Amino acid sequence: MYSTLAQYLNGTPAQPEGVGADIPARTPEGEATTMRRWVLQEHVWTELLDAAGFINVTVDVLPAATGGQRTADTLLVSAYRPS
């Protein structure tokens, strides 16, 4: 189980394909850097996990707790990979 953004914090929709994006970030010391982030649509997560052999894949959307700039819904993804 993991959680991830349902859309980018700047409001850009999630990617319709399994591609990552470099987004601006800051180090703990406050220096500017970039971070690779995969913000994918629900069906893309399901397809990728299914292709990797996971079963019982579910994706729930948790609405943003507050409104305003730099808020986003969260995807809660759960899957099981048989051994």
Protein backbone atom coordinates (compact mmCIF):
# COMPACT_ATOMS: atom_id res chain seq x y z
CA MET A 1 0.00 0.00 0.00
CA TYR A 2 1.22 3.49 -0.78
CA SER A 3 -0.12 6.97 -1.37
CA THR A 4 0.72 9.43 -4.11
CA LEU A 5 -0.54 12.69 -5.57
CA ALA A 6 -3.66 12.50 -7.74
CA GLN A 7 -2.50 15.61 -9.64
CA TYR A 8 0.45 17.96 -9.49
CA LEU A 9 0.41 20.61 -6.76
CA ASN A 10 0.36 23.34 -9.41
CA GLY A 11 -2.96 21.95 -10.71
CA THR A 12 -1.59 20.11 -13.74
CA PRO A 13 -3.49 16.83 -14.27
CA ALA A 14 -1.83 13.48 -13.63
CA GLN A 15 0.00 11.81 -16.51
CA PRO A 16 -2.02 9.45 -18.76
CA GLU A 17 1.09 7.27 -19.28
CA GLY A 18 3.74 5.79 -16.98
CA VAL A 19 6.24 8.62 -17.23
CA GLY A 20 7.93 10.57 -14.47
CA ALA A 21 8.54 14.29 -14.29
CA ASP A 22 11.24 16.39 -12.64
CA ILE A 23 9.62 18.81 -10.22
CA PRO A 24 11.20 21.64 -8.23
CA ALA A 25 12.11 20.76 -4.65
CA ARG A 26 14.30 21.94 -1.78
CA THR A 27 16.89 20.05 0.21
CA PRO A 28 16.63 20.00 4.03
CA GLU A 29 19.15 22.86 3.95
CA GLY A 30 16.87 24.91 1.69
CA GLU A 31 18.86 24.56 -1.55
CA ALA A 32 16.94 24.34 -4.82
CA THR A 33 16.97 20.95 -6.53
CA THR A 34 14.68 18.72 -8.57
CA MET A 35 12.94 15.50 -7.65
CA ARG A 36 11.69 12.76 -10.00
CA ARG A 37 7.98 12.18 -9.29
CA TRP A 38 5.44 9.88 -10.89
CA VAL A 39 2.02 11.52 -10.77
CA LEU A 40 -0.11 9.12 -12.77
CA GLN A 41 -3.80 8.67 -13.43
CA GLU A 42 -5.56 5.94 -11.46
CA HIS A 43 -5.88 3.54 -14.39
CA VAL A 44 -2.15 3.87 -15.16
CA TRP A 45 -1.17 2.75 -11.65
CA THR A 46 -3.59 -0.18 -11.98
CA GLU A 47 -2.19 -1.21 -15.38
CA LEU A 48 1.45 -0.93 -14.26
CA LEU A 49 0.91 -2.94 -11.08
CA ASP A 50 -1.10 -5.57 -12.96
CA ALA A 51 1.68 -5.88 -15.56
CA ALA A 52 4.19 -6.38 -12.71
CA GLY A 53 2.22 -9.34 -11.36
CA PHE A 54 0.26 -7.68 -8.59
CA ILE A 55 -3.34 -8.72 -7.92
CA ASN A 56 -6.28 -7.20 -6.06
CA VAL A 57 -5.20 -3.71 -7.12
CA THR A 58 -7.41 -0.95 -5.75
CA VAL A 59 -7.06 2.81 -6.01
CA ASP A 60 -9.07 5.10 -3.73
CA VAL A 61 -9.17 8.87 -4.11
CA LEU A 62 -8.87 10.81 -0.86
CA PRO A 63 -9.99 14.42 -1.33
CA ALA A 64 -7.63 17.22 -0.33
CA ALA A 65 -8.20 18.18 3.29
CA THR A 66 -8.08 21.90 2.49
CA GLY A 67 -8.63 24.08 -0.53
CA GLY A 68 -6.31 26.63 -2.02
CA GLN A 69 -3.05 26.71 -3.90
CA ARG A 70 -0.69 23.74 -3.76
CA THR A 71 -3.28 21.25 -2.54
CA ALA A 72 -4.11 17.98 -4.22
CA ASP A 73 -6.22 14.90 -3.81
CA THR A 74 -4.32 11.77 -2.78
CA LEU A 75 -4.46 8.32 -4.36
CA LEU A 76 -4.29 5.44 -1.89
CA VAL A 77 -3.07 2.42 -3.86
CA SER A 78 -3.24 -1.11 -2.51
CA ALA A 79 -2.08 -4.30 -4.21
CA TYR A 80 -0.93 -7.79 -3.39
CA ARG A 81 1.84 -9.73 -5.11
CA PRO A 82 1.57 -13.48 -4.64
CA SER A 83 4.80 -15.30 -3.81
